[in-house]
Amino acid sequence: MPDWIPKNEFYPLSADGPEGDLIFKPFMSNSLYFEEPINDPLYSAHKEVPEIDVNTNETYIRYLADHPVKGVGCTQHVSQARKST
């Protein structure tokens, strides 16, 4: 499936595994700017923001994140040691 999973889809690995705790790690882009558009599922940035260089008075374009918050979720499994009898 690589060649990057479709960016608007999420495919869990399997529902057959043991139960566990759901963990969500948020990523907040805050005011992170990029020099070019980014097509990464976590760091996507396509909102054009014009900036002015105060020294040269030139206008240039920076790209702001598409969403204020994105995240990665996973299930944490804790194995318990078994006593041998």
C-alpha atoms as a PDB file:
ATOM      1  CA  MET A   1       0.000   0.000   0.000  1.00  0.00           C
ATOM      2  CA  PRO A   2       2.880   2.520   0.435  1.00  0.00           C
ATOM      3  CA  ASP A   3       3.336   5.203  -2.213  1.00  0.00           C
ATOM      4  CA  TRP A   4       1.720   7.086   0.636  1.00  0.00           C
ATOM      5  CA  ILE A   5      -1.658   5.995   1.798  1.00  0.00           C
ATOM      6  CA  PRO A   6      -4.469   8.189   0.412  1.00  0.00           C
ATOM      7  CA  LYS A   7      -4.313  11.357   2.472  1.00  0.00           C
ATOM      8  CA  ASN A   8      -8.014  11.472   3.362  1.00  0.00           C
ATOM      9  CA  GLU A   9      -8.270   7.863   4.486  1.00  0.00           C
ATOM     10  CA  PHE A  10      -7.186   5.910   7.561  1.00  0.00           C
ATOM     11  CA  TYR A  11      -6.718   2.174   7.451  1.00  0.00           C
ATOM     12  CA  PRO A  12      -6.279   0.380  10.798  1.00  0.00           C
ATOM     13  CA  LEU A  13      -3.860  -2.555  10.676  1.00  0.00           C
ATOM     14  CA  SER A  14      -6.196  -5.132  12.159  1.00  0.00           C
ATOM     15  CA  ALA A  15      -9.130  -5.430  14.503  1.00  0.00           C
ATOM     16  CA  ASP A  16      -8.099  -8.986  15.437  1.00  0.00           C
ATOM     17  CA  GLY A  17      -5.364  -8.029  17.940  1.00  0.00           C
ATOM     18  CA  PRO A  18      -5.669  -7.842  21.719  1.00  0.00           C
ATOM     19  CA  GLU A  19      -7.504  -4.931  23.277  1.00  0.00           C
ATOM     20  CA  GLY A  20      -5.485  -1.995  24.545  1.00  0.00           C
ATOM     21  CA  ASP A  21      -5.505   1.662  25.510  1.00  0.00           C
ATOM     22  CA  LEU A  22      -6.098   4.197  22.763  1.00  0.00           C
ATOM     23  CA  ILE A  23      -3.424   6.904  22.669  1.00  0.00           C
ATOM     24  CA  PHE A  24      -3.720  10.091  20.619  1.00  0.00           C
ATOM     25  CA  LYS A  25      -0.660  12.276  20.059  1.00  0.00           C
ATOM     26  CA  PRO A  26      -1.760  15.700  18.804  1.00  0.00           C
ATOM     27  CA  PHE A  27       0.393  17.846  16.558  1.00  0.00           C
ATOM     28  CA  MET A  28      -0.362  21.565  16.702  1.00  0.00           C
ATOM     29  CA  SER A  29       1.227  23.513  13.880  1.00  0.00           C
ATOM     30  CA  ASN A  30       0.701  26.887  15.614  1.00  0.00           C
ATOM     31  CA  SER A  31       2.220  29.510  13.312  1.00  0.00           C
ATOM     32  CA  LEU A  32       4.540  27.173  11.417  1.00  0.00           C
ATOM     33  CA  TYR A  33       5.237  28.486   7.882  1.00  0.00           C
ATOM     34  CA  PHE A  34       6.722  26.623   4.912  1.00  0.00           C
ATOM     35  CA  GLU A  35       8.545  27.943   1.844  1.00  0.00           C
ATOM     36  CA  GLU A  36       6.557  25.728  -0.533  1.00  0.00           C
ATOM     37  CA  PRO A  37       3.305  23.739  -0.441  1.00  0.00           C
ATOM     38  CA  ILE A  38       3.557  20.515   1.584  1.00  0.00           C
ATOM     39  CA  ASN A  39       1.553  17.360   0.728  1.00  0.00           C
ATOM     40  CA  ASP A  40       2.423  15.303   3.805  1.00  0.00           C
ATOM     41  CA  PRO A  41      -0.525  13.727   5.731  1.00  0.00           C
ATOM     42  CA  LEU A  42       0.646  15.270   9.031  1.00  0.00           C
ATOM     43  CA  TYR A  43       2.331  18.488   7.865  1.00  0.00           C
ATOM     44  CA  SER A  44       0.104  19.484   4.908  1.00  0.00           C
ATOM     45  CA  ALA A  45       0.315  23.200   4.114  1.00  0.00           C
ATOM     46  CA  HIS A  46      -1.397  24.949   1.187  1.00  0.00           C
ATOM     47  CA  LYS A  47      -2.757  28.263   2.554  1.00  0.00           C
ATOM     48  CA  GLU A  48      -0.840  31.060   0.849  1.00  0.00           C
ATOM     49  CA  VAL A  49       0.265  33.887   3.132  1.00  0.00           C
ATOM     50  CA  PRO A  50       1.997  36.913   1.602  1.00  0.00           C
ATOM     51  CA  GLU A  51       4.934  38.213   3.652  1.00  0.00           C
ATOM     52  CA  ILE A  52       6.893  41.420   3.192  1.00  0.00           C
ATOM     53  CA  ASP A  53      10.634  41.594   3.776  1.00  0.00           C
ATOM     54  CA  VAL A  54      11.066  44.824   5.774  1.00  0.00           C
ATOM     55  CA  ASN A  55      14.657  45.273   4.552  1.00  0.00           C
ATOM     56  CA  THR A  56      13.995  44.970   0.807  1.00  0.00           C
ATOM     57  CA  ASN A  57      10.244  45.697   0.748  1.00  0.00           C
ATOM     58  CA  GLU A  58       9.777  42.587  -1.449  1.00  0.00           C
ATOM     59  CA  THR A  59       6.690  40.406  -1.138  1.00  0.00           C
ATOM     60  CA  TYR A  60       7.085  36.638  -1.006  1.00  0.00           C
ATOM     61  CA  ILE A  61       4.681  33.750  -0.350  1.00  0.00           C
ATOM     62  CA  ARG A  62       4.802  31.391   2.630  1.00  0.00           C
ATOM     63  CA  TYR A  63       2.448  28.459   3.233  1.00  0.00           C
ATOM     64  CA  LEU A  64       0.493  27.948   6.437  1.00  0.00           C
ATOM     65  CA  ALA A  65      -0.739  24.567   7.710  1.00  0.00           C
ATOM     66  CA  ASP A  66      -4.111  23.403   6.371  1.00  0.00           C
ATOM     67  CA  HIS A  67      -5.436  22.426   9.819  1.00  0.00           C
ATOM     68  CA  PRO A  68      -4.675  23.869  13.281  1.00  0.00           C
ATOM     69  CA  VAL A  69      -4.425  20.387  14.865  1.00  0.00           C
ATOM     70  CA  LYS A  70      -3.711  16.928  13.472  1.00  0.00           C
ATOM     71  CA  GLY A  71      -2.667  13.811  15.285  1.00  0.00           C
ATOM     72  CA  VAL A  72      -1.575  10.219  15.263  1.00  0.00           C
ATOM     73  CA  GLY A  73      -3.483   7.528  17.130  1.00  0.00           C
ATOM     74  CA  CYS A  74      -2.410   4.074  18.196  1.00  0.00           C
ATOM     75  CA  THR A  75      -3.359   1.311  20.585  1.00  0.00           C
ATOM     76  CA  GLN A  76      -0.967   0.496  23.404  1.00  0.00           C
ATOM     77  CA  HIS A  77      -0.780  -3.119  24.547  1.00  0.00           C
ATOM     78  CA  VAL A  78       0.789  -4.122  27.867  1.00  0.00           C
ATOM     79  CA  SER A  79       1.845  -7.712  28.228  1.00  0.00           C
ATOM     80  CA  GLN A  80       1.892  -9.321  31.648  1.00  0.00           C
ATOM     81  CA  ALA A  81       4.536 -11.818  32.695  1.00  0.00           C
ATOM     82  CA  ARG A  82       3.110 -15.295  33.307  1.00  0.00           C
ATOM     83  CA  LYS A  83       4.067 -17.297  36.344  1.00  0.00           C
ATOM     84  CA  SER A  84       5.430 -20.744  35.631  1.00  0.00           C
ATOM     85  CA  THR A  85       4.009 -23.467  37.847  1.00  0.00           C
END
